[in-house]
N, C-alpha and C. Protein backbone atom coordinates (compact mmCIF):
# COMPACT_ATOMS: atom_id res chain seq x y z
N UNK A 1 238.24 211.70 86.13
CA UNK A 1 237.73 210.85 87.17
C UNK A 1 236.65 211.32 88.14
N UNK A 2 237.05 212.38 88.67
CA UNK A 2 235.52 212.65 89.91
C UNK A 2 234.32 212.65 89.30
N UNK A 3 233.96 212.77 87.82
CA UNK A 3 232.47 212.92 87.32
C UNK A 3 232.14 211.25 86.96
N UNK A 4 233.31 210.18 86.87
CA UNK A 4 232.63 209.04 86.69
C UNK A 4 232.76 207.94 87.24
N UNK A 5 233.57 209.24 88.54
CA UNK A 5 232.97 207.53 89.83
C UNK A 5 231.86 208.88 90.63
N UNK A 6 231.48 209.71 90.45
CA UNK A 6 229.79 210.46 90.96
C UNK A 6 229.11 209.36 91.04
N UNK A 7 228.17 209.72 91.98
CA UNK A 7 227.03 209.08 92.14
C UNK A 7 226.17 209.40 91.17
N UNK A 8 225.92 210.17 90.70
CA UNK A 8 225.20 211.40 89.48
C UNK A 8 225.78 210.65 88.45
N UNK A 9 226.58 210.55 88.09
CA UNK A 9 227.13 209.60 86.65
C UNK A 9 226.51 208.32 86.61
N UNK A 10 226.73 207.85 87.74
CA UNK A 10 226.22 206.12 88.38
C UNK A 10 224.46 206.25 87.79
N UNK A 11 224.28 207.14 88.37
CA UNK A 11 222.25 206.97 88.19
C UNK A 11 222.00 207.17 86.61
N UNK A 12 223.25 207.57 85.43
CA UNK A 12 221.95 207.94 84.10
C UNK A 12 221.89 206.49 83.47
N UNK A 13 222.88 205.25 84.48
CA UNK A 13 222.58 204.27 83.58
C UNK A 13 221.05 203.76 84.32
N UNK A 14 220.17 203.23 83.65
CA UNK A 14 219.18 202.36 84.14
C UNK A 14 219.27 200.56 82.97
N UNK A 15 219.16 199.75 84.12
CA UNK A 15 218.73 198.63 83.77
C UNK A 15 217.38 198.68 83.01
N UNK A 16 217.32 198.46 81.68
CA UNK A 16 215.90 198.07 81.00
C UNK A 16 216.30 197.04 79.80
N UNK A 17 215.92 195.82 80.45
CA UNK A 17 216.78 195.02 79.28
C UNK A 17 215.70 194.48 77.96
N UNK A 18 214.33 195.12 78.18
CA UNK A 18 213.24 194.62 76.67
C UNK A 18 213.03 196.36 76.07
N UNK A 19 214.08 197.54 76.36
CA UNK A 19 214.06 198.00 74.92
C UNK A 19 215.85 198.66 74.32
N UNK A 20 215.87 197.26 73.96
CA UNK A 20 216.65 196.90 73.04
C UNK A 20 217.81 197.02 73.37
N UNK A 21 218.30 197.50 74.36
CA UNK A 21 219.85 197.33 75.04
C UNK A 21 219.56 196.63 76.84
N UNK A 22 220.61 196.56 77.26
CA UNK A 22 220.08 195.75 78.34
C UNK A 22 220.29 196.95 79.56
N UNK A 23 220.71 197.91 79.05
CA UNK A 23 220.99 199.35 79.81
C UNK A 23 220.54 200.83 79.17
N UNK A 24 219.66 201.73 79.73
CA UNK A 24 219.38 202.82 79.01
C UNK A 24 219.96 203.87 79.63
N UNK A 25 220.53 204.73 78.45
CA UNK A 25 220.95 205.65 79.35
C UNK A 25 220.24 207.24 79.18
N UNK A 26 220.34 207.36 80.37
CA UNK A 26 219.25 209.40 80.29
C UNK A 26 220.24 210.02 79.29
N UNK A 27 219.96 210.34 78.63
CA UNK A 27 220.96 211.09 77.32
C UNK A 27 220.63 212.59 78.19
N UNK A 28 219.59 213.16 78.71
CA UNK A 28 219.22 213.96 78.96
C UNK A 28 220.07 215.01 80.60
N UNK A 29 220.43 214.19 81.42
CA UNK A 29 221.43 214.09 82.33
C UNK A 29 222.03 214.98 82.53
N UNK A 30 222.02 215.78 83.60
CA UNK A 30 223.12 217.21 84.07
C UNK A 30 224.39 216.97 83.32
N UNK A 31 224.53 215.46 84.52
CA UNK A 31 226.39 215.36 84.54
C UNK A 31 226.92 214.96 82.98
N UNK A 32 225.83 214.64 82.09
CA UNK A 32 226.88 214.31 80.59
C UNK A 32 227.00 216.14 80.05
N UNK A 33 226.59 216.73 80.49
CA UNK A 33 227.07 218.41 80.20
C UNK A 33 228.54 218.49 80.62
N UNK A 34 228.38 218.12 81.97
CA UNK A 34 229.70 218.38 82.54
C UNK A 34 230.58 217.33 81.74
N UNK A 35 230.56 216.50 81.45
CA UNK A 35 231.80 215.59 80.79
C UNK A 35 232.07 215.91 79.42
N UNK A 36 230.51 216.13 78.97
CA UNK A 36 230.96 216.60 77.28
C UNK A 36 230.56 218.40 77.26
N UNK A 37 231.34 219.12 77.62
CA UNK A 37 230.52 220.50 77.91
C UNK A 37 230.34 221.71 76.21
N UNK A 38 231.02 220.51 75.25
CA UNK A 38 230.67 221.29 73.77
C UNK A 38 229.62 220.82 73.18
N UNK A 39 228.77 221.52 72.77
CA UNK A 39 227.37 221.21 71.74
C UNK A 39 227.96 220.80 70.38
N UNK A 40 228.96 221.13 69.60
CA UNK A 40 228.92 220.25 68.31
C UNK A 40 230.57 219.85 68.64
N UNK A 41 231.17 219.03 68.17
CA UNK A 41 231.76 218.52 67.65
C UNK A 41 232.93 219.48 67.17
N UNK A 42 233.44 220.49 66.19
CA UNK A 42 233.71 221.18 65.72
C UNK A 42 234.04 222.20 66.77
N UNK A 43 233.79 222.69 68.11
CA UNK A 43 233.81 223.78 68.93
C UNK A 43 235.37 223.60 70.10
N UNK A 44 235.97 221.93 69.93
CA UNK A 44 236.49 221.36 71.18
C UNK A 44 237.68 222.15 70.62
N UNK A 45 238.22 222.62 71.58
CA UNK A 45 239.62 223.36 71.86
C UNK A 45 240.74 222.24 70.99
N UNK A 46 241.20 221.12 71.38
CA UNK A 46 241.83 220.04 70.50
C UNK A 46 240.82 219.73 69.70
N UNK A 47 241.26 219.49 67.87
CA UNK A 47 240.81 219.35 67.35
C UNK A 47 240.56 217.90 67.66
N UNK A 48 238.79 216.98 67.39
CA UNK A 48 238.61 215.74 67.90
C UNK A 48 237.98 215.19 66.38
N UNK A 49 238.44 213.73 66.71
CA UNK A 49 237.54 212.62 65.57
C UNK A 49 236.62 211.67 66.21
N UNK A 50 235.50 211.36 66.02
CA UNK A 50 234.54 210.39 66.53
C UNK A 50 234.24 209.59 65.67
N UNK A 51 234.56 208.21 65.78
CA UNK A 51 234.56 206.70 65.18
C UNK A 51 232.92 206.36 65.78
N UNK A 52 232.16 205.46 64.81
CA UNK A 52 230.82 205.23 64.81
C UNK A 52 231.10 204.45 63.69
N UNK A 53 230.07 203.38 63.75
CA UNK A 53 229.15 202.65 62.20
C UNK A 53 228.13 202.73 62.55
N UNK A 54 227.68 203.06 61.36
CA UNK A 54 225.99 203.57 60.78
C UNK A 54 225.78 201.59 60.77
N UNK A 55 224.87 201.54 61.35
CA UNK A 55 224.01 199.97 60.99
C UNK A 55 223.49 200.08 59.68
N UNK A 56 222.73 201.16 59.44
CA UNK A 56 222.17 200.65 58.23
C UNK A 56 223.05 200.72 57.09
N UNK A 57 223.67 201.48 57.07
CA UNK A 57 225.05 201.44 55.98
C UNK A 57 226.08 200.05 56.01
N UNK A 58 226.27 200.31 57.59
CA UNK A 58 227.01 198.98 57.65
C UNK A 58 228.57 199.91 57.55
N UNK A 59 228.51 200.30 57.39
CA UNK A 59 229.70 201.63 57.20
C UNK A 59 230.52 202.51 58.40
N UNK A 60 231.85 202.51 58.46
CA UNK A 60 232.27 203.26 59.54
C UNK A 60 232.48 204.58 59.04
N UNK A 61 232.18 205.60 59.87
CA UNK A 61 231.79 206.56 60.03
C UNK A 61 232.88 207.31 60.59
N UNK A 62 233.80 208.62 60.02
CA UNK A 62 234.93 209.12 61.08
C UNK A 62 234.10 211.15 61.08
N UNK A 63 233.90 211.33 62.33
CA UNK A 63 232.70 212.76 62.44
C UNK A 63 234.25 213.74 62.96
N UNK A 64 234.51 215.12 62.08
CA UNK A 64 235.00 215.99 62.44
C UNK A 64 233.69 217.00 63.25
N UNK A 65 232.90 217.10 62.89
CA UNK A 65 232.03 217.62 63.39
C UNK A 65 230.59 217.32 63.78
N UNK A 66 229.30 218.12 64.43
CA UNK A 66 228.01 217.69 64.16
C UNK A 66 227.87 217.41 66.19
N UNK A 67 226.72 216.98 66.67
CA UNK A 67 226.66 217.18 67.91
C UNK A 67 227.34 215.97 68.61
N UNK A 68 227.94 216.82 69.54
CA UNK A 68 228.96 215.29 70.30
C UNK A 68 228.29 215.02 71.34
N UNK A 69 226.90 215.31 71.54
CA UNK A 69 226.48 214.68 72.45
C UNK A 69 225.99 213.35 71.57
N UNK A 70 225.40 213.01 70.90
CA UNK A 70 224.85 212.59 70.25
C UNK A 70 226.12 211.16 69.55
N UNK A 71 227.23 211.88 69.07
CA UNK A 71 227.93 211.01 68.31
C UNK A 71 228.70 210.39 69.80
N UNK A 72 229.38 210.91 70.54
CA UNK A 72 229.64 210.34 71.47
C UNK A 72 228.99 209.31 72.42
N UNK A 73 227.83 209.50 72.30
CA UNK A 73 226.87 208.14 73.17
C UNK A 73 226.87 207.36 71.90
N UNK A 74 226.75 207.86 70.42
CA UNK A 74 226.73 206.45 69.20
C UNK A 74 228.24 205.59 69.76
N UNK A 75 229.09 206.41 69.57
CA UNK A 75 230.59 206.03 69.39
C UNK A 75 230.56 205.05 71.03
N UNK A 76 230.08 204.95 72.02
CA UNK A 76 230.30 204.53 73.23
C UNK A 76 228.81 203.21 73.04
N UNK A 77 227.94 203.31 72.11
CA UNK A 77 226.62 202.31 71.93
C UNK A 77 227.71 200.80 71.77
N UNK A 78 228.10 200.40 72.50
CA UNK A 78 228.15 198.58 73.08
C UNK A 78 226.69 197.64 72.84
N UNK A 79 226.28 197.66 71.48
CA UNK A 79 225.17 197.03 71.70
C UNK A 79 225.52 195.38 71.76
N UNK A 80 224.75 194.31 72.80
CA UNK A 80 223.94 194.66 73.49
C UNK A 80 224.15 195.48 74.43
N UNK A 81 224.84 196.00 75.07
CA UNK A 81 224.81 196.55 76.33
C UNK A 81 224.16 197.65 76.58
N UNK A 82 224.70 198.79 75.83
CA UNK A 82 223.73 200.06 75.58
C UNK A 82 223.08 200.30 73.96
N UNK A 83 222.55 200.92 74.49
CA UNK A 83 221.33 201.74 72.90
C UNK A 83 222.51 202.39 72.06
N UNK A 84 221.80 201.48 70.95
CA UNK A 84 221.84 202.33 69.61
C UNK A 84 221.38 204.09 69.65
N UNK A 85 222.08 204.85 68.53
CA UNK A 85 222.27 206.00 68.74
C UNK A 85 220.99 206.49 67.51
N UNK A 86 220.56 207.10 67.24
CA UNK A 86 219.58 207.62 66.16
C UNK A 86 219.94 208.76 65.81
N UNK A 87 221.19 209.37 64.90
CA UNK A 87 221.26 210.42 64.63
C UNK A 87 221.15 210.72 63.20
N UNK A 88 220.72 212.16 63.15
CA UNK A 88 220.29 212.61 61.24
C UNK A 88 220.04 210.81 60.40
N UNK A 89 220.29 210.63 59.66
CA UNK A 89 219.87 209.76 59.02
C UNK A 89 220.41 208.69 59.30
N UNK A 90 221.25 208.03 60.47
CA UNK A 90 221.95 207.38 60.54
C UNK A 90 221.75 206.73 61.72
N UNK A 91 222.13 205.40 62.53
CA UNK A 91 221.55 204.33 63.51
C UNK A 91 223.17 204.00 63.75
N UNK A 92 223.98 204.86 64.68
CA UNK A 92 225.00 204.83 65.26
C UNK A 92 225.37 203.60 66.47
N UNK A 93 226.54 203.55 66.41
CA UNK A 93 227.28 202.13 67.32
C UNK A 93 228.87 202.32 67.34
N UNK A 94 228.58 201.74 68.67
CA UNK A 94 230.31 201.77 69.31
C UNK A 94 231.18 201.69 67.33
N UNK A 95 232.30 202.29 67.17
CA UNK A 95 233.29 202.42 65.41
C UNK A 95 233.90 201.58 65.97
N UNK A 96 234.16 200.53 66.85
CA UNK A 96 235.11 199.17 67.20
C UNK A 96 234.54 197.91 66.89
N UNK A 97 233.21 197.76 66.39
CA UNK A 97 232.37 197.18 65.32
C UNK A 97 233.16 197.06 64.27
N UNK A 98 233.94 197.35 63.63
CA UNK A 98 234.51 197.43 62.75
C UNK A 98 236.28 197.70 62.81
N UNK A 99 236.57 198.94 63.16
CA UNK A 99 237.60 199.28 63.90
C UNK A 99 237.95 199.14 64.93
N UNK A 100 238.79 198.94 65.48
CA UNK A 100 238.71 198.91 66.61
C UNK A 100 240.09 199.84 67.19
N UNK A 101 241.13 200.05 66.07
CA UNK A 101 241.91 201.50 66.40
C UNK A 101 241.67 201.97 64.73
N UNK A 102 240.96 203.17 64.84
CA UNK A 102 240.58 203.99 63.67
C UNK A 102 241.63 205.36 63.86
N UNK A 103 242.94 204.89 62.73
CA UNK A 103 244.46 205.58 63.14
C UNK A 103 244.02 206.34 61.44
N UNK A 104 243.95 205.64 60.64
CA UNK A 104 243.51 206.52 59.43
C UNK A 104 243.55 208.81 58.82
N UNK A 105 242.02 208.49 59.60
CA UNK A 105 242.18 209.79 59.27
C UNK A 105 243.12 210.63 60.39
N UNK A 106 244.02 210.43 61.29
CA UNK A 106 245.08 211.24 62.02
C UNK A 106 246.08 210.98 60.98
N UNK A 107 246.37 210.44 60.23
CA UNK A 107 247.90 210.34 59.05
C UNK A 107 247.79 211.61 58.39
N UNK A 108 246.44 212.43 58.22
CA UNK A 108 246.64 213.65 57.90
C UNK A 108 246.84 215.00 58.50
N UNK A 109 246.93 214.41 60.06
CA UNK A 109 248.11 215.34 60.64
C UNK A 109 249.78 215.22 60.64
N UNK A 110 249.91 215.72 60.87
CA UNK A 110 251.93 216.24 60.55
C UNK A 110 252.10 215.57 62.19
N UNK A 111 251.47 214.86 63.07
CA UNK A 111 252.20 214.91 64.31
C UNK A 111 251.93 213.11 64.48
N UNK A 112 252.59 212.76 65.55
CA UNK A 112 252.91 210.55 66.05
C UNK A 112 251.41 210.86 66.40
N UNK A 113 251.37 209.51 66.14
CA UNK A 113 250.27 208.99 66.18
C UNK A 113 250.13 208.23 67.48
N UNK A 114 249.43 208.05 68.61
CA UNK A 114 249.72 207.86 70.09
C UNK A 114 248.48 206.75 70.39
N UNK A 115 248.76 205.17 69.96
CA UNK A 115 247.37 204.56 70.33
C UNK A 115 247.26 203.97 71.43
N UNK A 116 246.24 203.86 72.30
CA UNK A 116 245.14 203.56 73.41
C UNK A 116 244.65 202.04 72.82
N UNK A 117 245.60 201.08 73.20
CA UNK A 117 245.24 199.87 73.38
C UNK A 117 244.45 199.06 74.77
N UNK A 118 242.91 199.26 74.98
CA UNK A 118 242.84 198.32 76.19
C UNK A 118 242.15 197.41 76.30
N UNK A 119 242.39 196.71 75.11
CA UNK A 119 242.48 194.85 74.90
C UNK A 119 243.67 194.36 74.55
N UNK A 120 244.34 194.19 75.14
CA UNK A 120 245.79 193.74 74.69
C UNK A 120 245.64 192.84 74.48
N UNK A 121 246.08 191.54 73.62
CA UNK A 121 245.67 190.57 73.15
C UNK A 121 247.01 189.19 74.33
N UNK A 122 246.31 188.46 74.99
CA UNK A 122 246.70 187.65 75.27
C UNK A 122 246.97 185.79 75.00
N UNK A 123 247.81 185.05 75.54
CA UNK A 123 248.30 183.99 75.05
C UNK A 123 246.72 182.99 75.47
N UNK A 124 246.37 182.01 74.77
CA UNK A 124 245.17 181.35 75.76
C UNK A 124 246.03 180.38 75.96
N UNK A 125 245.43 179.83 77.36
CA UNK A 125 246.18 178.69 77.99
C UNK A 125 245.74 177.63 76.82
N UNK A 126 246.75 176.41 77.80
CA UNK A 126 246.41 174.60 76.83
C UNK A 126 245.19 174.63 77.64
N UNK A 127 245.08 174.69 78.79
CA UNK A 127 244.10 174.22 79.51
C UNK A 127 242.56 175.32 79.73
N UNK A 128 242.05 175.14 78.36
CA UNK A 128 240.72 176.26 78.10
C UNK A 128 239.56 175.24 77.78
N UNK A 129 238.83 176.10 78.72
CA UNK A 129 237.17 175.80 78.46
C UNK A 129 236.74 176.03 77.06
N UNK A 130 235.61 175.74 76.80
CA UNK A 130 234.44 175.73 76.22
C UNK A 130 234.11 177.22 75.85
N UNK A 131 233.65 177.89 77.05
CA UNK A 131 233.57 179.43 77.01
C UNK A 131 234.71 180.01 77.00
N UNK A 132 235.57 179.98 77.24
CA UNK A 132 237.21 180.34 77.00
C UNK A 132 236.89 180.69 75.50
N UNK A 133 237.19 179.75 74.66
CA UNK A 133 237.63 179.72 73.68
C UNK A 133 236.62 180.05 72.62
N UNK A 134 234.99 180.18 73.10
CA UNK A 134 234.23 181.08 72.21
C UNK A 134 234.62 182.36 72.95
N UNK A 135 235.38 182.74 74.00
CA UNK A 135 235.15 184.27 74.02
C UNK A 135 236.69 184.63 73.50
N UNK A 136 237.25 183.61 73.27
CA UNK A 136 238.76 184.15 72.75
C UNK A 136 238.30 184.46 70.76
N UNK A 137 237.39 183.21 70.25
CA UNK A 137 237.63 183.61 68.95
C UNK A 137 236.57 185.14 68.62
N UNK A 138 235.76 185.21 69.54
CA UNK A 138 234.87 186.69 69.41
C UNK A 138 235.84 187.91 69.57
N UNK A 139 236.66 187.50 71.01
CA UNK A 139 238.21 188.23 70.89
C UNK A 139 238.76 188.79 69.90
N UNK A 140 238.76 188.04 69.29
CA UNK A 140 240.48 187.81 68.14
C UNK A 140 239.02 188.51 66.52
N UNK A 141 238.05 188.43 66.52
CA UNK A 141 237.38 189.01 65.67
C UNK A 141 237.22 189.91 65.75
N UNK A 142 237.03 190.89 66.78
CA UNK A 142 236.25 192.03 66.93
C UNK A 142 237.66 193.03 66.77
N UNK A 143 238.86 191.91 67.43
CA UNK A 143 240.28 192.95 67.78
C UNK A 143 241.49 192.90 66.57
N UNK A 144 240.61 192.28 65.67
CA UNK A 144 241.71 191.77 64.60
C UNK A 144 242.30 193.14 64.39
N UNK A 145 241.68 194.17 63.36
CA UNK A 145 241.81 195.41 63.36
C UNK A 145 242.57 196.27 63.66
N UNK A 146 242.85 196.12 65.10
CA UNK A 146 243.59 196.23 65.92
C UNK A 146 244.87 197.06 65.91
N UNK A 147 245.08 194.99 65.64
CA UNK A 147 246.61 194.76 65.68
C UNK A 147 247.44 195.67 64.51
N UNK A 148 246.66 194.94 63.44
CA UNK A 148 247.77 196.14 62.70
C UNK A 148 247.62 197.54 62.72
N UNK A 149 247.09 197.98 62.87
CA UNK A 149 246.43 199.42 63.30
C UNK A 149 247.91 200.14 64.43
N UNK A 150 247.53 199.41 65.36
CA UNK A 150 249.03 199.43 66.19
C UNK A 150 250.26 199.32 65.91
N UNK A 151 250.73 198.60 64.85
CA UNK A 151 251.99 198.54 64.55
C UNK A 151 251.98 199.76 63.63
N UNK A 152 251.11 200.93 63.42
CA UNK A 152 251.58 201.86 62.61
C UNK A 152 251.45 203.12 63.45
N UNK A 153 250.84 203.06 64.92
CA UNK A 153 251.42 204.11 65.90
C UNK A 153 252.78 204.45 66.39
N UNK A 154 252.97 205.48 66.34
CA UNK A 154 254.37 205.47 66.78
C UNK A 154 254.63 205.37 68.11
N UNK A 155 253.43 205.91 69.25
CA UNK A 155 253.86 205.25 70.66
C UNK A 155 252.19 204.51 70.62
N UNK A 156 252.51 203.29 71.41
CA UNK A 156 251.09 202.58 72.21
C UNK A 156 251.12 202.33 73.55
N UNK A 157 250.32 202.89 73.66
CA UNK A 157 250.15 202.60 75.25
C UNK A 157 249.15 201.63 75.56
N UNK A 158 249.10 200.69 76.42
CA UNK A 158 248.53 199.37 76.60
C UNK A 158 249.01 198.95 78.15
N UNK A 159 248.63 197.79 78.91
CA UNK A 159 249.69 196.93 79.86
C UNK A 159 248.32 195.72 79.80
N UNK A 160 249.38 194.61 79.80
CA UNK A 160 248.55 193.10 80.38
C UNK A 160 248.20 193.03 81.56
N UNK A 161 247.99 193.63 82.33
CA UNK A 161 247.44 194.23 83.27
C UNK A 161 246.04 194.41 83.24
N UNK A 162 245.40 195.02 82.50
CA UNK A 162 244.18 195.44 82.14
C UNK A 162 243.40 194.61 82.14
N UNK A 163 243.94 192.97 81.45
CA UNK A 163 243.07 191.54 81.39
C UNK A 163 242.88 191.04 82.60
N UNK A 164 243.01 191.76 83.61
CA UNK A 164 242.40 191.25 85.08
C UNK A 164 241.09 192.17 85.35
N UNK A 165 240.66 193.20 84.62
CA UNK A 165 239.13 193.85 85.18
C UNK A 165 238.51 193.66 84.46
N UNK A 166 237.32 193.48 85.03
CA UNK A 166 235.99 193.17 83.49
C UNK A 166 236.14 194.71 82.99
N UNK A 167 235.47 194.53 81.88
CA UNK A 167 235.34 195.75 80.74
C UNK A 167 234.30 196.74 81.18
N UNK A 168 233.12 196.29 81.72
CA UNK A 168 232.51 196.99 82.55
C UNK A 168 232.12 197.20 84.32
N UNK A 169 233.51 196.82 84.78
CA UNK A 169 233.75 196.96 86.07
C UNK A 169 233.54 198.47 86.25
N UNK A 170 232.61 199.57 87.64
CA UNK A 170 232.52 200.59 87.63
C UNK A 170 233.39 200.55 88.83
N UNK A 171 233.74 199.58 89.85
CA UNK A 171 234.48 199.73 91.33
C UNK A 171 236.21 199.52 90.66
N UNK A 172 236.74 199.68 90.19
CA UNK A 172 237.74 199.47 89.64
C UNK A 172 238.53 201.32 89.05
N UNK A 173 238.19 202.30 88.83
CA UNK A 173 238.25 202.53 88.05
C UNK A 173 239.61 203.84 88.11
N UNK A 174 239.22 203.80 89.49
CA UNK A 174 240.88 204.54 90.11
C UNK A 174 241.71 203.46 90.00
N UNK A 175 242.02 202.23 89.89
CA UNK A 175 242.95 201.32 90.13
C UNK A 175 243.43 201.67 88.35
N UNK A 176 242.32 201.56 87.52
CA UNK A 176 242.57 201.44 85.90
C UNK A 176 243.12 202.89 85.45
N UNK A 177 242.71 204.25 86.16
CA UNK A 177 243.23 205.36 85.96
C UNK A 177 244.55 205.16 86.22
N UNK A 178 245.13 204.60 87.71
CA UNK A 178 246.45 204.66 88.02
C UNK A 178 247.18 204.16 86.84
N UNK A 179 246.58 203.05 86.43
CA UNK A 179 247.44 201.79 85.43
C UNK A 179 248.09 202.95 84.53
N UNK A 180 246.75 203.67 83.99
CA UNK A 180 246.99 203.92 82.31
C UNK A 180 247.87 205.13 82.33
N UNK A 181 247.75 206.26 83.66
CA UNK A 181 248.49 207.26 84.17
C UNK A 181 249.98 206.67 84.07
N UNK A 182 250.38 205.72 84.85
CA UNK A 182 251.85 205.17 84.78
C UNK A 182 252.59 204.51 83.63
N UNK A 183 251.31 203.90 82.96
CA UNK A 183 251.45 203.59 81.71
C UNK A 183 252.56 204.82 80.47
N UNK A 184 251.48 205.51 80.99
CA UNK A 184 251.69 206.96 79.66
C UNK A 184 253.13 207.65 80.14
N UNK A 185 253.41 207.59 81.54
CA UNK A 185 254.58 208.15 82.04
C UNK A 185 255.99 207.22 81.65
N UNK A 186 255.27 206.31 81.37
CA UNK A 186 256.54 205.43 81.26
C UNK A 186 256.77 205.73 79.23
N UNK A 187 255.94 205.80 78.87
CA UNK A 187 256.02 206.04 77.26
C UNK A 187 256.95 207.47 76.98
N UNK A 188 256.01 208.74 77.78
CA UNK A 188 256.91 209.65 77.71
C UNK A 188 257.71 210.34 78.58
N UNK A 189 258.83 209.30 79.26
CA UNK A 189 259.77 210.05 80.06
C UNK A 189 261.00 209.62 79.91
């Protein structure tokens, strides 16, 4: 939380709408090394998998080794908001484009699967606008894969209250952190 709320972190984002995305990210910022201290994905203390989509092939890719900085930036490349990432012979974007909750590789571990749903589905009110309908169709299309995968999780952490916040709002990070912390405690107490 200290890193995400710092001025140093906020400065890595530059508004540059004419360069393929609305925001550019300073990939060489020292704060990213604080946030992602390992160079290679295989060197993390806890085994970690990163889900991305290769735009060239259109396939979901799950990495368990490789350049952690590049893979994390690729995994958070919400095009057209954040830029795609060139990595080896691939063009990476957020894995949620194809699979919102990628649990398949977790089945290989003999552990309970804990899913975190940051986009819980709510009901559409009967008094909806044209724009709300467009957003609803996009939401259902984008997150439909997560709905079935969520049912296969042993534990799901989510809160309908999260729908009150904008996905890109940085000013409510502490409230969102507290909400997630409380929901997690409920599931594990």
